N, C-alpha and C. Protein backbone atom coordinates (compact mmCIF):
# COMPACT_ATOMS: atom_id res chain seq x y z
N UNK A 1 30.64 35.29 -1.06
CA UNK A 1 29.39 34.74 -0.63
C UNK A 1 29.64 33.33 -0.10
N UNK A 2 29.18 33.09 1.09
CA UNK A 2 29.40 31.81 1.74
C UNK A 2 28.19 30.91 1.48
N UNK A 3 28.44 29.72 1.00
CA UNK A 3 27.34 28.79 0.79
C UNK A 3 27.36 27.74 1.90
N UNK A 4 26.17 27.44 2.36
CA UNK A 4 26.06 26.43 3.42
C UNK A 4 25.67 25.11 2.79
N UNK A 5 26.29 24.10 3.27
CA UNK A 5 25.97 22.76 2.78
C UNK A 5 24.97 22.13 3.74
N UNK A 6 23.85 21.73 3.18
CA UNK A 6 22.83 21.09 4.02
C UNK A 6 23.18 19.62 4.16
N UNK A 7 23.11 19.16 5.36
CA UNK A 7 23.34 17.73 5.59
C UNK A 7 22.04 17.09 6.01
N UNK A 8 21.91 15.89 5.59
CA UNK A 8 20.71 15.13 5.90
C UNK A 8 21.01 14.23 7.09
N UNK A 9 20.21 14.37 8.11
CA UNK A 9 20.39 13.54 9.29
C UNK A 9 19.55 12.29 9.10
N UNK A 10 20.20 11.17 9.21
CA UNK A 10 19.52 9.88 9.04
C UNK A 10 19.61 9.13 10.35
N UNK A 11 18.47 8.71 10.83
CA UNK A 11 18.44 7.93 12.06
C UNK A 11 18.68 6.47 11.69
N UNK A 12 19.69 5.89 12.31
CA UNK A 12 19.95 4.47 12.09
C UNK A 12 19.18 3.69 13.14
N UNK A 13 18.29 2.84 12.67
CA UNK A 13 17.47 2.04 13.56
C UNK A 13 18.23 0.80 14.02
N UNK A 14 17.87 0.33 15.18
CA UNK A 14 18.45 -0.93 15.65
C UNK A 14 17.86 -2.08 14.85
N UNK A 15 18.53 -3.21 14.87
CA UNK A 15 18.04 -4.38 14.14
C UNK A 15 16.67 -4.80 14.67
N UNK A 16 16.48 -4.72 15.96
CA UNK A 16 15.20 -5.10 16.56
C UNK A 16 14.09 -4.17 16.09
N UNK A 17 14.37 -2.88 16.04
CA UNK A 17 13.36 -1.93 15.59
C UNK A 17 13.02 -2.14 14.11
N UNK A 18 14.03 -2.36 13.29
CA UNK A 18 13.78 -2.61 11.86
C UNK A 18 12.96 -3.89 11.67
N UNK A 19 13.25 -4.90 12.49
CA UNK A 19 12.49 -6.15 12.42
C UNK A 19 11.03 -5.89 12.78
N UNK A 20 10.80 -5.16 13.86
CA UNK A 20 9.42 -4.85 14.27
C UNK A 20 8.69 -4.01 13.24
N UNK A 21 9.40 -3.06 12.63
CA UNK A 21 8.79 -2.24 11.58
C UNK A 21 8.38 -3.13 10.40
N UNK A 22 9.26 -4.03 10.01
CA UNK A 22 8.97 -4.92 8.89
C UNK A 22 7.80 -5.83 9.19
N UNK A 23 7.74 -6.35 10.41
CA UNK A 23 6.61 -7.21 10.80
C UNK A 23 5.30 -6.44 10.75
N UNK A 24 5.31 -5.21 11.21
CA UNK A 24 4.11 -4.37 11.19
C UNK A 24 3.69 -4.10 9.76
N UNK A 25 4.65 -3.75 8.90
CA UNK A 25 4.33 -3.49 7.50
C UNK A 25 3.75 -4.72 6.83
N UNK A 26 4.35 -5.88 7.08
CA UNK A 26 3.83 -7.12 6.49
C UNK A 26 2.41 -7.39 6.94
N UNK A 27 2.15 -7.15 8.21
CA UNK A 27 0.80 -7.34 8.74
C UNK A 27 -0.18 -6.41 8.04
N UNK A 28 0.19 -5.15 7.89
CA UNK A 28 -0.68 -4.18 7.22
C UNK A 28 -0.90 -4.55 5.76
N UNK A 29 0.15 -4.99 5.08
CA UNK A 29 0.03 -5.36 3.67
C UNK A 29 -0.84 -6.61 3.50
N UNK A 30 -0.72 -7.56 4.41
CA UNK A 30 -1.57 -8.75 4.34
C UNK A 30 -3.03 -8.40 4.62
N UNK A 31 -3.26 -7.46 5.52
CA UNK A 31 -4.63 -6.99 5.76
C UNK A 31 -5.18 -6.32 4.50
N UNK A 32 -4.37 -5.48 3.88
CA UNK A 32 -4.78 -4.80 2.65
C UNK A 32 -5.09 -5.82 1.57
N UNK A 33 -4.31 -6.89 1.51
CA UNK A 33 -4.54 -7.94 0.51
C UNK A 33 -5.95 -8.52 0.68
N UNK A 34 -6.34 -8.80 1.92
CA UNK A 34 -7.70 -9.30 2.20
C UNK A 34 -8.75 -8.24 1.89
N UNK A 35 -8.44 -7.01 2.24
CA UNK A 35 -9.36 -5.91 2.01
C UNK A 35 -9.58 -5.69 0.51
N UNK A 36 -8.55 -5.85 -0.27
CA UNK A 36 -8.66 -5.68 -1.71
C UNK A 36 -9.60 -6.72 -2.33
N UNK A 37 -9.58 -7.93 -1.81
CA UNK A 37 -10.50 -8.96 -2.29
C UNK A 37 -11.94 -8.51 -2.02
N UNK A 38 -12.17 -7.98 -0.83
CA UNK A 38 -13.50 -7.47 -0.48
C UNK A 38 -13.92 -6.35 -1.42
N UNK A 39 -13.02 -5.41 -1.68
CA UNK A 39 -13.35 -4.28 -2.54
C UNK A 39 -13.62 -4.74 -3.98
N UNK A 40 -12.86 -5.72 -4.45
CA UNK A 40 -13.11 -6.25 -5.79
C UNK A 40 -14.48 -6.92 -5.86
N UNK A 41 -14.83 -7.67 -4.81
CA UNK A 41 -16.14 -8.31 -4.77
C UNK A 41 -17.26 -7.27 -4.71
N UNK A 42 -17.02 -6.21 -3.98
CA UNK A 42 -18.00 -5.14 -3.88
C UNK A 42 -18.25 -4.52 -5.25
N UNK A 43 -17.18 -4.25 -5.98
CA UNK A 43 -17.34 -3.70 -7.33
C UNK A 43 -18.03 -4.70 -8.26
N UNK A 44 -17.69 -5.96 -8.12
CA UNK A 44 -18.33 -7.00 -8.94
C UNK A 44 -19.82 -7.07 -8.65
N UNK A 45 -20.19 -6.99 -7.37
CA UNK A 45 -21.61 -7.04 -6.99
C UNK A 45 -22.42 -5.89 -7.59
N UNK A 46 -21.76 -4.77 -7.81
CA UNK A 46 -22.46 -3.59 -8.33
C UNK A 46 -22.24 -3.37 -9.82
N UNK A 47 -21.66 -4.33 -10.50
CA UNK A 47 -21.36 -4.18 -11.92
C UNK A 47 -22.60 -3.82 -12.74
N UNK A 48 -23.70 -4.51 -12.51
CA UNK A 48 -24.91 -4.24 -13.30
C UNK A 48 -25.43 -2.82 -13.04
N UNK A 49 -25.25 -2.33 -11.85
CA UNK A 49 -25.69 -0.97 -11.53
C UNK A 49 -24.72 0.06 -12.10
N UNK A 50 -23.45 -0.30 -12.18
CA UNK A 50 -22.46 0.61 -12.75
C UNK A 50 -22.80 0.89 -14.21
N UNK A 51 -23.16 -0.14 -14.94
CA UNK A 51 -23.50 0.02 -16.36
C UNK A 51 -24.75 0.87 -16.51
N UNK A 52 -25.75 0.62 -15.67
CA UNK A 52 -27.00 1.38 -15.77
C UNK A 52 -26.84 2.82 -15.29
N UNK A 53 -25.98 3.05 -14.36
CA UNK A 53 -25.84 4.40 -13.79
C UNK A 53 -24.95 5.30 -14.64
N UNK A 54 -24.45 4.79 -15.74
CA UNK A 54 -23.63 5.57 -16.66
C UNK A 54 -22.38 6.15 -16.00
N UNK A 55 -21.81 5.38 -15.12
CA UNK A 55 -20.55 5.80 -14.50
C UNK A 55 -19.46 4.76 -14.80
N UNK A 56 -19.62 4.14 -15.94
CA UNK A 56 -18.72 3.07 -16.34
C UNK A 56 -17.27 3.55 -16.44
N UNK A 57 -17.05 4.73 -17.00
CA UNK A 57 -15.68 5.24 -17.14
C UNK A 57 -15.00 5.40 -15.79
N UNK A 58 -15.72 5.97 -14.84
CA UNK A 58 -15.15 6.14 -13.50
C UNK A 58 -14.89 4.78 -12.85
N UNK A 59 -15.81 3.85 -13.04
CA UNK A 59 -15.66 2.51 -12.47
C UNK A 59 -14.45 1.80 -13.05
N UNK A 60 -14.20 1.98 -14.35
CA UNK A 60 -13.04 1.37 -14.98
C UNK A 60 -11.75 1.92 -14.38
N UNK A 61 -11.70 3.22 -14.17
CA UNK A 61 -10.52 3.86 -13.59
C UNK A 61 -10.29 3.34 -12.18
N UNK A 62 -11.35 3.28 -11.39
CA UNK A 62 -11.24 2.80 -10.01
C UNK A 62 -10.81 1.34 -9.98
N UNK A 63 -11.39 0.54 -10.83
CA UNK A 63 -11.05 -0.89 -10.87
C UNK A 63 -9.60 -1.09 -11.29
N UNK A 64 -9.16 -0.35 -12.29
CA UNK A 64 -7.77 -0.43 -12.73
C UNK A 64 -6.82 -0.03 -11.60
N UNK A 65 -7.16 1.04 -10.91
CA UNK A 65 -6.33 1.49 -9.79
C UNK A 65 -6.29 0.44 -8.68
N UNK A 66 -7.42 -0.19 -8.42
CA UNK A 66 -7.47 -1.23 -7.40
C UNK A 66 -6.60 -2.43 -7.80
N UNK A 67 -6.66 -2.83 -9.04
CA UNK A 67 -5.82 -3.94 -9.51
C UNK A 67 -4.34 -3.57 -9.47
N UNK A 68 -4.03 -2.32 -9.80
CA UNK A 68 -2.64 -1.85 -9.74
C UNK A 68 -2.12 -1.90 -8.31
N UNK A 69 -2.95 -1.49 -7.35
CA UNK A 69 -2.51 -1.54 -5.95
C UNK A 69 -2.38 -2.98 -5.47
N UNK A 70 -3.20 -3.88 -6.00
CA UNK A 70 -3.08 -5.30 -5.62
C UNK A 70 -1.74 -5.86 -6.07
N UNK A 71 -1.34 -5.52 -7.31
CA UNK A 71 -0.03 -5.96 -7.80
C UNK A 71 1.10 -5.32 -6.98
N UNK A 72 0.96 -4.03 -6.70
CA UNK A 72 1.96 -3.34 -5.90
C UNK A 72 2.06 -3.90 -4.50
N UNK A 73 0.91 -4.25 -3.94
CA UNK A 73 0.87 -4.82 -2.60
C UNK A 73 1.64 -6.14 -2.57
N UNK A 74 1.38 -7.00 -3.54
CA UNK A 74 2.07 -8.30 -3.58
C UNK A 74 3.57 -8.11 -3.77
N UNK A 75 3.94 -7.17 -4.60
CA UNK A 75 5.36 -6.88 -4.82
C UNK A 75 6.02 -6.41 -3.52
N UNK A 76 5.33 -5.56 -2.78
CA UNK A 76 5.87 -5.08 -1.51
C UNK A 76 5.96 -6.21 -0.48
N UNK A 77 4.99 -7.10 -0.47
CA UNK A 77 5.05 -8.25 0.44
C UNK A 77 6.29 -9.08 0.12
N UNK A 78 6.54 -9.32 -1.17
CA UNK A 78 7.72 -10.07 -1.58
C UNK A 78 9.01 -9.35 -1.17
N UNK A 79 9.05 -8.04 -1.41
CA UNK A 79 10.24 -7.25 -1.05
C UNK A 79 10.49 -7.27 0.46
N UNK A 80 9.44 -7.13 1.22
CA UNK A 80 9.58 -7.13 2.68
C UNK A 80 9.99 -8.50 3.22
N UNK A 81 9.45 -9.54 2.64
CA UNK A 81 9.83 -10.88 3.07
C UNK A 81 11.31 -11.11 2.82
N UNK A 82 11.79 -10.68 1.66
CA UNK A 82 13.22 -10.79 1.34
C UNK A 82 14.04 -9.92 2.30
N UNK A 83 13.57 -8.72 2.56
CA UNK A 83 14.25 -7.79 3.46
C UNK A 83 14.37 -8.40 4.86
N UNK A 84 13.31 -9.03 5.32
CA UNK A 84 13.33 -9.67 6.64
C UNK A 84 14.37 -10.79 6.69
N UNK A 85 14.47 -11.56 5.62
CA UNK A 85 15.44 -12.66 5.58
C UNK A 85 16.87 -12.13 5.61
N UNK A 86 17.07 -10.93 5.08
CA UNK A 86 18.40 -10.35 5.03
C UNK A 86 18.78 -9.65 6.34
N UNK A 87 17.86 -9.61 7.29
CA UNK A 87 18.13 -8.95 8.57
C UNK A 87 19.30 -9.60 9.31
N UNK A 88 19.57 -10.84 9.00
CA UNK A 88 20.65 -11.55 9.69
C UNK A 88 21.99 -10.82 9.59
N UNK A 89 22.17 -10.05 8.51
CA UNK A 89 23.42 -9.31 8.36
C UNK A 89 23.61 -8.31 9.51
N UNK A 90 22.52 -7.88 10.11
CA UNK A 90 22.58 -6.91 11.19
C UNK A 90 22.85 -7.56 12.55
N UNK A 91 22.55 -8.84 12.67
CA UNK A 91 22.63 -9.47 13.99
C UNK A 91 23.58 -10.66 14.05
N UNK A 92 24.31 -10.91 12.98
CA UNK A 92 25.18 -12.09 12.94
C UNK A 92 26.49 -11.92 13.70
N UNK A 93 26.75 -10.72 14.21
CA UNK A 93 27.96 -10.49 14.99
C UNK A 93 29.20 -10.22 14.16
N UNK A 94 29.08 -10.30 12.86
CA UNK A 94 30.21 -10.02 11.98
C UNK A 94 30.21 -8.53 11.65
N UNK A 95 31.37 -7.99 11.49
CA UNK A 95 31.50 -6.59 11.09
C UNK A 95 31.56 -6.51 9.57
N UNK A 96 30.40 -6.40 8.96
CA UNK A 96 30.30 -6.25 7.52
C UNK A 96 29.67 -4.88 7.26
N UNK A 97 30.47 -3.88 7.43
CA UNK A 97 30.01 -2.49 7.42
C UNK A 97 29.24 -2.15 6.16
N UNK A 98 29.76 -2.51 5.00
CA UNK A 98 29.09 -2.16 3.74
C UNK A 98 27.73 -2.85 3.62
N UNK A 99 27.66 -4.13 3.97
CA UNK A 99 26.39 -4.86 3.90
C UNK A 99 25.37 -4.28 4.88
N UNK A 100 25.84 -3.94 6.08
CA UNK A 100 24.94 -3.36 7.08
C UNK A 100 24.45 -1.98 6.63
N UNK A 101 25.35 -1.21 6.06
CA UNK A 101 24.99 0.11 5.55
C UNK A 101 23.95 -0.03 4.43
N UNK A 102 24.17 -0.99 3.52
CA UNK A 102 23.23 -1.22 2.42
C UNK A 102 21.86 -1.66 2.96
N UNK A 103 21.87 -2.51 3.96
CA UNK A 103 20.61 -2.98 4.55
C UNK A 103 19.82 -1.80 5.12
N UNK A 104 20.52 -0.93 5.83
CA UNK A 104 19.87 0.24 6.42
C UNK A 104 19.33 1.18 5.33
N UNK A 105 20.10 1.36 4.27
CA UNK A 105 19.65 2.20 3.16
C UNK A 105 18.42 1.58 2.49
N UNK A 106 18.44 0.27 2.34
CA UNK A 106 17.28 -0.43 1.77
C UNK A 106 16.06 -0.26 2.67
N UNK A 107 16.29 -0.29 3.97
CA UNK A 107 15.19 -0.13 4.93
C UNK A 107 14.57 1.27 4.82
N UNK A 108 15.42 2.25 4.70
CA UNK A 108 14.93 3.63 4.55
C UNK A 108 14.16 3.77 3.24
N UNK A 109 14.66 3.17 2.17
CA UNK A 109 13.97 3.22 0.88
C UNK A 109 12.61 2.52 0.98
N UNK A 110 12.56 1.39 1.68
CA UNK A 110 11.28 0.69 1.89
C UNK A 110 10.31 1.55 2.69
N UNK A 111 10.83 2.26 3.66
CA UNK A 111 9.99 3.14 4.47
C UNK A 111 9.28 4.16 3.58
N UNK A 112 10.03 4.77 2.69
CA UNK A 112 9.47 5.77 1.77
C UNK A 112 8.49 5.14 0.80
N UNK A 113 8.86 3.99 0.25
CA UNK A 113 8.00 3.30 -0.71
C UNK A 113 6.68 2.89 -0.07
N UNK A 114 6.76 2.35 1.14
CA UNK A 114 5.54 1.92 1.84
C UNK A 114 4.66 3.10 2.22
N UNK A 115 5.27 4.18 2.63
CA UNK A 115 4.50 5.37 2.96
C UNK A 115 3.71 5.84 1.75
N UNK A 116 4.36 5.87 0.61
CA UNK A 116 3.71 6.29 -0.63
C UNK A 116 2.61 5.30 -1.02
N UNK A 117 2.91 4.01 -0.90
CA UNK A 117 1.91 2.99 -1.24
C UNK A 117 0.68 3.12 -0.36
N UNK A 118 0.87 3.26 0.96
CA UNK A 118 -0.27 3.36 1.88
C UNK A 118 -1.13 4.59 1.55
N UNK A 119 -0.48 5.69 1.20
CA UNK A 119 -1.19 6.91 0.82
C UNK A 119 -2.02 6.66 -0.44
N UNK A 120 -1.40 6.08 -1.45
CA UNK A 120 -2.10 5.80 -2.71
C UNK A 120 -3.24 4.81 -2.50
N UNK A 121 -2.99 3.79 -1.71
CA UNK A 121 -4.03 2.78 -1.48
C UNK A 121 -5.25 3.39 -0.78
N UNK A 122 -5.01 4.26 0.18
CA UNK A 122 -6.14 4.90 0.87
C UNK A 122 -6.97 5.73 -0.10
N UNK A 123 -6.30 6.37 -1.05
CA UNK A 123 -7.02 7.16 -2.06
C UNK A 123 -7.86 6.25 -2.95
N UNK A 124 -7.32 5.12 -3.36
CA UNK A 124 -8.08 4.18 -4.19
C UNK A 124 -9.26 3.62 -3.41
N UNK A 125 -9.03 3.26 -2.18
CA UNK A 125 -10.09 2.72 -1.32
C UNK A 125 -11.21 3.75 -1.16
N UNK A 126 -10.84 4.99 -0.97
CA UNK A 126 -11.82 6.07 -0.86
C UNK A 126 -12.66 6.15 -2.13
N UNK A 127 -12.02 6.06 -3.29
CA UNK A 127 -12.73 6.13 -4.57
C UNK A 127 -13.70 4.96 -4.74
N UNK A 128 -13.28 3.76 -4.31
CA UNK A 128 -14.17 2.59 -4.39
C UNK A 128 -15.40 2.84 -3.53
N UNK A 129 -15.20 3.29 -2.32
CA UNK A 129 -16.33 3.52 -1.42
C UNK A 129 -17.24 4.64 -1.93
N UNK A 130 -16.65 5.68 -2.50
CA UNK A 130 -17.46 6.76 -3.06
C UNK A 130 -18.33 6.25 -4.21
N UNK A 131 -17.74 5.44 -5.06
CA UNK A 131 -18.46 4.87 -6.19
C UNK A 131 -19.61 3.98 -5.70
N UNK A 132 -19.33 3.10 -4.78
CA UNK A 132 -20.35 2.19 -4.27
C UNK A 132 -21.42 2.97 -3.49
N UNK A 133 -21.00 3.97 -2.76
CA UNK A 133 -21.97 4.80 -2.03
C UNK A 133 -22.95 5.46 -3.00
N UNK A 134 -22.40 5.96 -4.09
CA UNK A 134 -23.26 6.59 -5.11
C UNK A 134 -24.24 5.58 -5.70
N UNK A 135 -23.76 4.38 -5.97
CA UNK A 135 -24.62 3.34 -6.51
C UNK A 135 -25.68 2.90 -5.51
N UNK A 136 -25.30 2.82 -4.25
CA UNK A 136 -26.27 2.44 -3.22
C UNK A 136 -27.35 3.50 -3.08
N UNK A 137 -26.95 4.76 -3.19
CA UNK A 137 -27.92 5.85 -3.12
C UNK A 137 -28.88 5.77 -4.30
N UNK A 138 -28.34 5.51 -5.48
CA UNK A 138 -29.18 5.35 -6.68
C UNK A 138 -30.15 4.19 -6.49
N UNK A 139 -29.63 3.08 -5.95
CA UNK A 139 -30.46 1.91 -5.70
C UNK A 139 -31.57 2.23 -4.70
N UNK A 140 -31.24 2.97 -3.68
CA UNK A 140 -32.22 3.35 -2.65
C UNK A 140 -33.29 4.25 -3.27
N UNK A 141 -32.87 5.20 -4.08
CA UNK A 141 -33.82 6.11 -4.74
C UNK A 141 -34.76 5.34 -5.65
N UNK A 142 -34.23 4.33 -6.36
CA UNK A 142 -35.09 3.52 -7.25
C UNK A 142 -36.16 2.77 -6.44
N UNK A 143 -35.77 2.25 -5.29
CA UNK A 143 -36.73 1.54 -4.45
C UNK A 143 -37.80 2.46 -3.90
N UNK A 144 -37.44 3.70 -3.61
CA UNK A 144 -38.41 4.67 -3.10
C UNK A 144 -39.40 5.07 -4.16
N UNK A 145 -38.96 5.09 -5.42
CA UNK A 145 -39.84 5.47 -6.51
C UNK A 145 -40.84 4.34 -6.86
N UNK A 146 -40.50 3.13 -6.55
CA UNK A 146 -41.38 1.99 -6.88
C UNK A 146 -42.40 1.74 -5.83
């Protein structure tokens, strides 16, 4: 029986492309950082309604998830800033094969980590909006009854 060995094809990006990818990621993470402040304020504004609407448990879970993503976001910003500073190994003109290889591997790992983070963050953001939407609907219904 012949076994086939699967090989993984990895695209090696140019230094310029990796730099542009990192800049884009940093921009997105900084936007998320501002957005998270807005979402936290939104939850804070509806705190009194959360308690009255008996959805406190769900609100706690959403708030915890939002705070977790805020910490993760800041950690990723720090990692990307460091990664950007290390880009010089790719463009310094020296042949440091192992360092360049490690930088590229780190870049690929960051790509996966960021993809996962963006996916998780969108899910948390969706939950915040669903919670607030429900509270706004409750608030609207209360006004109609009065």
